[in-house]
Protein backbone atom coordinates (compact mmCIF):
# COMPACT_ATOMS: atom_id res chain seq x y z
CA UNK A 1 -2.08 8.81 32.02
CA UNK A 2 0.68 6.29 31.36
CA UNK A 3 -1.52 3.86 29.45
CA UNK A 4 -3.13 6.56 27.29
CA UNK A 5 0.21 8.09 26.43
CA UNK A 6 1.56 4.47 25.64
CA UNK A 7 -1.52 3.61 23.74
CA UNK A 8 -1.25 6.93 21.63
CA UNK A 9 2.28 6.36 20.91
CA UNK A 10 1.80 2.84 19.57
CA UNK A 11 -1.01 4.14 17.40
CA UNK A 12 1.07 7.16 16.17
CA UNK A 13 3.91 4.49 15.40
CA UNK A 14 1.52 2.26 13.53
CA UNK A 15 0.22 5.09 11.41
CA UNK A 16 3.66 6.23 10.73
CA UNK A 17 4.79 2.70 9.65
CA UNK A 18 1.77 2.51 7.16
CA UNK A 19 2.97 5.75 5.59
CA UNK A 20 6.28 4.61 5.37
CA UNK A 21 5.30 1.48 3.64
CA UNK A 22 3.21 3.22 1.05
CA UNK A 23 6.07 5.73 0.39
CA UNK A 24 8.61 2.85 -0.14
CA UNK A 25 6.44 0.94 -2.35
CA UNK A 26 5.61 4.28 -4.29
CA UNK A 27 9.52 4.69 -4.75
CA UNK A 28 9.92 1.11 -6.22
CA UNK A 29 6.75 1.68 -8.63
CA UNK A 30 8.15 4.94 -9.81
CA UNK A 31 11.65 3.45 -10.24
CA UNK A 32 10.01 0.74 -12.34
CA UNK A 33 8.13 3.13 -14.32
CA UNK A 34 11.31 5.43 -15.14
CA UNK A 35 13.01 2.09 -16.31
CA UNK A 36 10.44 1.32 -18.53
CA UNK A 37 10.16 4.55 -20.21
CA UNK A 38 13.75 3.99 -21.46
CA UNK A 39 13.25 0.56 -22.63
CA UNK A 40 13.43 -0.67 -26.28
CA UNK A 41 9.99 -2.08 -26.20
CA UNK A 42 7.15 -0.56 -28.24
CA UNK A 43 5.40 2.45 -27.01
CA UNK A 44 2.16 0.43 -26.63
CA UNK A 45 3.93 -2.28 -24.55
CA UNK A 46 5.38 0.54 -22.16
CA UNK A 47 2.12 2.16 -21.85
CA UNK A 48 0.45 -1.35 -21.04
CA UNK A 49 3.26 -2.04 -18.33
CA UNK A 50 2.92 1.50 -16.83
CA UNK A 51 -0.90 1.14 -16.60
CA UNK A 52 -0.45 -2.28 -14.90
CA UNK A 53 2.19 -1.11 -12.45
CA UNK A 54 -0.17 1.49 -11.16
CA UNK A 55 -2.98 -1.05 -10.87
CA UNK A 56 -0.66 -3.75 -9.14
CA UNK A 57 0.63 -1.06 -6.86
CA UNK A 58 -2.81 0.09 -5.69
CA UNK A 59 -3.87 -3.42 -5.34
CA UNK A 60 -0.89 -4.27 -3.29
CA UNK A 61 -1.53 -1.27 -0.99
CA UNK A 62 -5.34 -1.97 -0.59
CA UNK A 63 -4.46 -5.63 0.19
CA UNK A 64 -1.86 -4.70 2.77
CA UNK A 65 -4.30 -2.38 4.61
CA UNK A 66 -7.39 -4.84 4.50
CA UNK A 67 -4.74 -7.30 6.16
CA UNK A 68 -3.98 -4.65 8.84
CA UNK A 69 -7.70 -3.93 9.25
CA UNK A 70 -8.63 -7.64 9.50
CA UNK A 71 -5.93 -8.10 12.36
CA UNK A 72 -7.53 -5.05 14.16
CA UNK A 73 -11.07 -6.23 14.11
CA UNK A 74 -10.18 -9.93 14.55
CA UNK A 75 -11.83 -11.13 11.42
CA UNK A 76 -14.89 -10.44 9.24
CA UNK A 77 -17.32 -7.85 10.49
CA UNK A 78 -20.83 -6.64 9.72
CA UNK A 79 -19.42 -3.19 9.25
CA UNK A 80 -19.16 -3.51 5.65
CA UNK A 81 -15.46 -3.06 5.57
CA UNK A 82 -13.39 -4.58 2.67
CA UNK A 83 -12.10 -8.32 3.29
CA UNK A 84 -10.70 -10.51 0.53
């Protein structure tokens, strides 16, 4: 019972850390987007920058999750999971 409880607690802590990581990055990208909206740059440049932020934020999160998955599986597998 102790090992099961300990394993579950560690698993839940890992899930909570992943959600916290995503939330912190989301806050950072929203802040950057807000600063960009009040920029003196052209509307075209601001729109381009905001679109790039969304893509880079998504890529950052996907790469972090892929790195976690890689560590959990011990490397590349035949299960079709994403590896960079």
